[in-house]
Amino acid sequence: MKVLVIGNSHVGSLKRGWDNISLNYTNKVETVFAASRGRGMEEILINDGIMSGNTERLRNDLLFTAGESNIHLDQFDTILVYGLRLRSGVFYRWLSPSSKLFYSKQCLIQTFKDYHEEILGFKIACQIRSQTDVPIFIGAPLISTFEKPEIRKKLTFSPDLYIDAIDRANTLFWDPIGLCYFPQPQDTIETTRLRTKEKYSKESRQLAVGDGFDNKLHTGTDRGHMNEYFGERYLESFIDKCIDK
């Protein structure tokens, strides 16, 4: 199975995680990463089944991360679009059984469309969907927790509710347009609130694209990017699911 992972700086944790676990999938899975930091992927071009960059910077980033600047989508069995301003917390707020709010199906679908219309990850996934028939997944990490221990003790949360909300979102929103949201593993989620466990964001590093900032630590206040241990868990969960299918 050959997997293509497309995204922005959040792909850094997945790439480093893959470097740690790739030997476990020798002769089973090949994974290619195509990514650019910041807003670089806004300049992506997807035409005739080929993904390329509209700027020299993006072409160089694709060449460094994927090994080529023109990526043929038909070479892959599965595609994951990751990060790129996608968020999953909104699904929990809209669809969790514990929510005291009620929305009609029509309202939820329209809200989904309005919310995602300008989300880069959504736009890229839809473009790719029009170019290939292979399974396309999308995903993004929940931000890390930042509460002090004494505050966390007062909070409770069940990761099962998050997974249930993602399942509902897939049925209602994603499946009808040929996409599937892949949630992060439950064991990476806090049991105090809808956040990633702090240990998975500590010492997160920048995506390597071939410049002086490669693998540099993010600032100590960064809670949005995850580390390689998170990348290991996410990709193990993702690849094992794909293999089972």
Protein backbone atom coordinates (compact mmCIF):
# COMPACT_ATOMS: atom_id res chain seq x y z
CA MET A 1 0.00 0.00 0.00
CA LYS A 2 1.30 3.42 -0.94
CA VAL A 3 0.09 6.38 1.12
CA LEU A 4 0.35 10.10 0.33
CA VAL A 5 0.19 12.55 3.25
CA ILE A 6 -0.47 16.17 2.24
CA GLY A 7 -0.39 19.13 4.59
CA ASN A 8 1.37 21.99 6.30
CA SER A 9 3.61 22.24 9.37
CA HIS A 10 1.44 19.74 11.26
CA VAL A 11 2.76 17.03 8.96
CA GLY A 12 6.14 17.38 10.69
CA SER A 13 5.00 15.24 13.63
CA LEU A 14 3.70 12.55 11.29
CA LYS A 15 6.90 12.48 9.23
CA ARG A 16 9.12 12.15 12.29
CA GLY A 17 6.75 9.58 13.75
CA TRP A 18 6.89 7.59 10.52
CA ASP A 19 10.67 7.61 10.62
CA ASN A 20 10.41 5.88 14.01
CA ILE A 21 7.91 3.18 13.01
CA SER A 22 8.47 2.64 9.27
CA LEU A 23 10.49 -0.55 9.82
CA ASN A 24 7.36 -2.11 11.32
CA TYR A 25 5.72 -1.81 7.90
CA THR A 26 8.59 -2.91 5.67
CA ASN A 27 7.29 -4.38 2.39
CA LYS A 28 3.75 -3.47 3.48
CA VAL A 29 3.44 0.31 3.40
CA GLU A 30 5.26 3.12 1.64
CA THR A 31 4.45 6.61 2.84
CA VAL A 32 5.21 9.83 0.93
CA PHE A 33 4.89 13.23 2.59
CA ALA A 34 4.14 16.37 0.56
CA ALA A 35 4.06 19.46 2.75
CA SER A 36 4.97 23.09 3.18
CA ARG A 37 5.03 25.33 6.24
CA GLY A 38 2.62 28.17 6.92
CA ARG A 39 0.47 29.15 3.96
CA GLY A 40 2.69 27.53 1.34
CA MET A 41 0.08 24.98 0.26
CA GLU A 42 -2.26 27.78 -0.79
CA GLU A 43 -0.25 27.78 -4.02
CA ILE A 44 -0.91 24.12 -4.82
CA LEU A 45 -1.99 23.19 -8.35
CA ILE A 46 -3.96 20.01 -9.06
CA ASN A 47 -4.58 19.33 -12.74
CA ASP A 48 -4.89 16.15 -14.80
CA GLY A 49 -4.12 13.99 -11.78
CA ILE A 50 -0.84 15.78 -11.01
CA MET A 51 -0.18 17.90 -7.93
CA SER A 52 2.46 20.60 -8.25
CA GLY A 53 3.38 24.03 -6.91
CA ASN A 54 2.56 27.42 -8.37
CA THR A 55 5.57 29.07 -6.69
CA GLU A 56 9.25 28.24 -6.56
CA ARG A 57 9.04 27.96 -2.78
CA LEU A 58 6.30 25.32 -2.91
CA ARG A 59 7.98 23.41 -5.71
CA ASN A 60 11.16 23.27 -3.61
CA ASP A 61 9.22 22.18 -0.53
CA LEU A 62 7.50 19.39 -2.46
CA LEU A 63 10.82 18.28 -3.92
CA PHE A 64 12.36 18.14 -0.44
CA THR A 65 9.47 16.47 1.39
CA ALA A 66 8.12 14.17 -1.35
CA GLY A 67 11.20 13.70 -3.51
CA GLU A 68 9.54 15.24 -6.55
CA SER A 69 7.81 18.50 -7.41
CA ASN A 70 5.20 16.89 -9.67
CA ILE A 71 3.24 14.27 -7.76
CA HIS A 72 1.09 11.84 -9.72
CA LEU A 73 -1.97 11.03 -7.65
CA ASP A 74 -2.66 7.75 -9.46
CA GLN A 75 0.50 6.29 -7.90
CA PHE A 76 -1.16 6.13 -4.47
CA ASP A 77 -3.67 3.77 -2.87
CA THR A 78 -4.73 6.13 -0.07
CA ILE A 79 -4.42 9.88 0.52
CA LEU A 80 -4.48 11.76 3.84
CA VAL A 81 -4.95 15.55 3.90
CA TYR A 82 -3.73 16.70 7.31
CA GLY A 83 -3.78 20.01 9.16
CA LEU A 84 -4.29 22.92 6.76
CA ARG A 85 -6.65 24.71 9.15
CA LEU A 86 -8.99 21.72 9.45
CA ARG A 87 -10.51 21.31 12.91
CA SER A 88 -12.51 18.51 14.51
CA GLY A 89 -13.63 20.15 17.75
CA VAL A 90 -16.55 21.77 15.93
CA PHE A 91 -18.04 18.35 15.23
CA TYR A 92 -18.15 17.60 18.93
CA ARG A 93 -19.92 20.86 19.69
CA TRP A 94 -22.47 20.28 16.94
CA LEU A 95 -23.05 16.56 17.16
CA SER A 96 -22.16 15.22 20.59
CA PRO A 97 -25.03 13.32 22.25
CA SER A 98 -24.23 15.29 25.41
CA SER A 99 -25.02 18.59 23.68
CA LYS A 100 -28.16 20.26 24.92
CA LEU A 101 -28.60 22.01 21.59
CA PHE A 102 -30.71 20.67 18.74
CA TYR A 103 -30.17 21.44 15.08
CA SER A 104 -32.10 20.10 12.13
CA LYS A 105 -30.22 17.97 9.59
CA GLN A 106 -30.61 20.70 6.98
CA CYS A 107 -29.19 23.31 9.36
CA LEU A 108 -26.19 21.13 10.21
CA ILE A 109 -25.38 20.40 6.57
CA GLN A 110 -25.60 24.07 5.60
CA THR A 111 -23.49 25.08 8.61
CA PHE A 112 -20.93 22.46 7.62
CA LYS A 113 -20.74 23.84 4.09
CA ASP A 114 -20.48 27.45 5.26
CA TYR A 115 -17.82 26.65 7.86
CA HIS A 116 -15.58 24.65 5.51
CA GLU A 117 -15.97 26.72 2.37
CA GLU A 118 -12.73 28.65 2.90
CA ILE A 119 -10.78 25.99 4.84
CA LEU A 120 -7.66 25.16 2.83
CA GLY A 121 -7.62 21.47 3.75
CA PHE A 122 -11.22 21.10 2.64
CA LYS A 123 -10.60 22.82 -0.69
CA ILE A 124 -7.52 20.69 -1.41
CA ALA A 125 -9.31 17.45 -0.47
CA CYS A 126 -12.21 18.32 -2.77
CA GLN A 127 -9.85 19.10 -5.64
CA ILE A 128 -8.10 15.78 -5.18
CA ARG A 129 -11.46 13.99 -4.98
CA SER A 130 -12.26 15.27 -8.46
CA GLN A 131 -9.00 13.81 -9.77
CA THR A 132 -8.86 10.30 -8.29
CA ASP A 133 -11.08 7.50 -7.01
CA VAL A 134 -8.80 6.31 -4.18
CA PRO A 135 -9.91 6.73 -0.53
CA ILE A 136 -9.26 10.24 0.77
CA PHE A 137 -9.04 10.92 4.50
CA ILE A 138 -8.72 14.23 6.27
CA GLY A 139 -7.56 14.93 9.81
CA ALA A 140 -5.99 17.38 12.24
CA PRO A 141 -4.83 17.29 15.87
CA LEU A 142 -6.81 18.74 18.73
CA ILE A 143 -4.82 21.44 20.50
CA SER A 144 -2.95 20.34 23.59
CA THR A 145 -4.22 20.92 27.10
CA PHE A 146 -2.78 23.79 29.10
CA GLU A 147 -4.72 23.71 32.38
CA LYS A 148 -2.86 23.51 35.66
CA PRO A 149 -3.22 20.14 37.47
CA GLU A 150 -5.58 21.55 40.10
CA ILE A 151 -7.93 22.78 37.36
CA ARG A 152 -7.85 19.50 35.46
CA LYS A 153 -9.04 17.60 38.54
CA LYS A 154 -12.31 19.52 38.39
CA LEU A 155 -13.01 18.61 34.76
CA THR A 156 -14.22 15.37 33.20
CA PHE A 157 -14.53 14.34 29.58
CA SER A 158 -15.00 11.07 27.72
CA PRO A 159 -12.98 10.64 24.50
CA ASP A 160 -15.73 8.24 23.41
CA LEU A 161 -17.99 11.26 22.89
CA TYR A 162 -15.44 12.79 20.50
CA ILE A 163 -15.16 9.60 18.46
CA ASP A 164 -18.94 9.31 18.34
CA ALA A 165 -19.23 12.90 17.08
CA ILE A 166 -16.68 12.20 14.34
CA ASP A 167 -18.64 9.11 13.27
CA ARG A 168 -21.80 11.21 13.07
CA ALA A 169 -19.98 13.89 11.10
CA ASN A 170 -18.73 11.31 8.62
CA THR A 171 -22.24 9.96 8.10
CA LEU A 172 -23.85 13.38 7.79
CA PHE A 173 -21.16 15.46 6.06
CA TRP A 174 -18.12 13.67 4.76
CA ASP A 175 -19.35 10.37 3.31
CA PRO A 176 -21.75 12.05 0.86
CA ILE A 177 -18.89 14.02 -0.73
CA GLY A 178 -16.49 11.07 -0.88
CA LEU A 179 -14.25 11.99 2.07
CA CYS A 180 -13.69 10.55 5.53
CA TYR A 181 -12.52 12.35 8.67
CA PHE A 182 -9.99 10.24 10.56
CA PRO A 183 -9.88 11.05 14.29
CA GLN A 184 -6.78 10.92 16.45
CA PRO A 185 -6.48 7.85 18.70
CA GLN A 186 -8.56 7.97 21.86
CA ASP A 187 -5.54 7.33 24.07
CA THR A 188 -4.03 10.65 22.94
CA ILE A 189 -7.03 12.64 24.24
CA GLU A 190 -7.38 14.06 27.74
CA THR A 191 -10.07 12.72 30.06
CA THR A 192 -10.60 16.22 31.43
CA ARG A 193 -11.64 18.06 28.29
CA LEU A 194 -11.46 17.95 24.49
CA ARG A 195 -7.70 18.40 24.19
CA THR A 196 -4.65 16.37 23.23
CA LYS A 197 -2.62 15.12 26.18
CA GLU A 198 0.20 17.50 26.98
CA LYS A 199 2.91 14.85 26.57
CA TYR A 200 2.12 14.68 22.86
CA SER A 201 2.84 18.36 22.25
CA LYS A 202 5.96 18.81 24.35
CA GLU A 203 9.08 19.53 22.28
CA SER A 204 7.20 19.65 18.98
CA ARG A 205 9.42 20.62 16.08
CA GLN A 206 9.09 22.45 12.79
CA LEU A 207 8.54 20.64 9.53
CA ALA A 208 11.77 20.00 7.64
CA VAL A 209 11.79 21.55 4.15
CA GLY A 210 15.51 22.03 3.61
CA ASP A 211 16.27 25.34 5.32
CA GLY A 212 17.75 26.61 8.57
CA PHE A 213 14.54 26.11 10.54
CA ASP A 214 14.30 22.37 9.91
CA ASN A 215 13.32 20.44 13.05
CA LYS A 216 13.71 23.49 15.29
CA LEU A 217 11.66 23.40 18.48
CA HIS A 218 8.44 25.38 18.46
CA THR A 219 8.06 28.04 21.13
CA GLY A 220 7.20 26.86 24.64
CA THR A 221 3.70 28.32 24.33
CA ASP A 222 2.84 26.35 21.18
CA ARG A 223 -0.06 23.98 21.86
CA GLY A 224 -1.20 23.39 18.30
CA HIS A 225 1.67 21.30 16.98
CA MET A 226 2.35 17.76 18.13
CA ASN A 227 5.57 15.78 18.54
CA GLU A 228 6.81 12.59 16.92
CA TYR A 229 5.22 10.38 19.59
CA PHE A 230 1.84 11.70 18.58
CA GLY A 231 2.83 11.12 14.94
CA GLU A 232 3.62 7.49 15.73
CA ARG A 233 0.26 6.89 17.37
CA TYR A 234 -1.73 8.68 14.68
CA LEU A 235 -0.07 6.87 11.78
CA GLU A 236 -0.21 3.48 13.48
CA SER A 237 -3.93 3.94 13.94
CA PHE A 238 -4.44 5.28 10.43
CA ILE A 239 -2.34 2.71 8.57
CA ASP A 240 -3.71 -0.23 10.54
CA LYS A 241 -7.23 0.86 9.66
CA CYS A 242 -6.31 1.16 5.97
CA ILE A 243 -4.65 -2.27 5.98
CA ASP A 244 -7.71 -3.84 7.65
CA LYS A 245 -9.88 -2.49 4.85
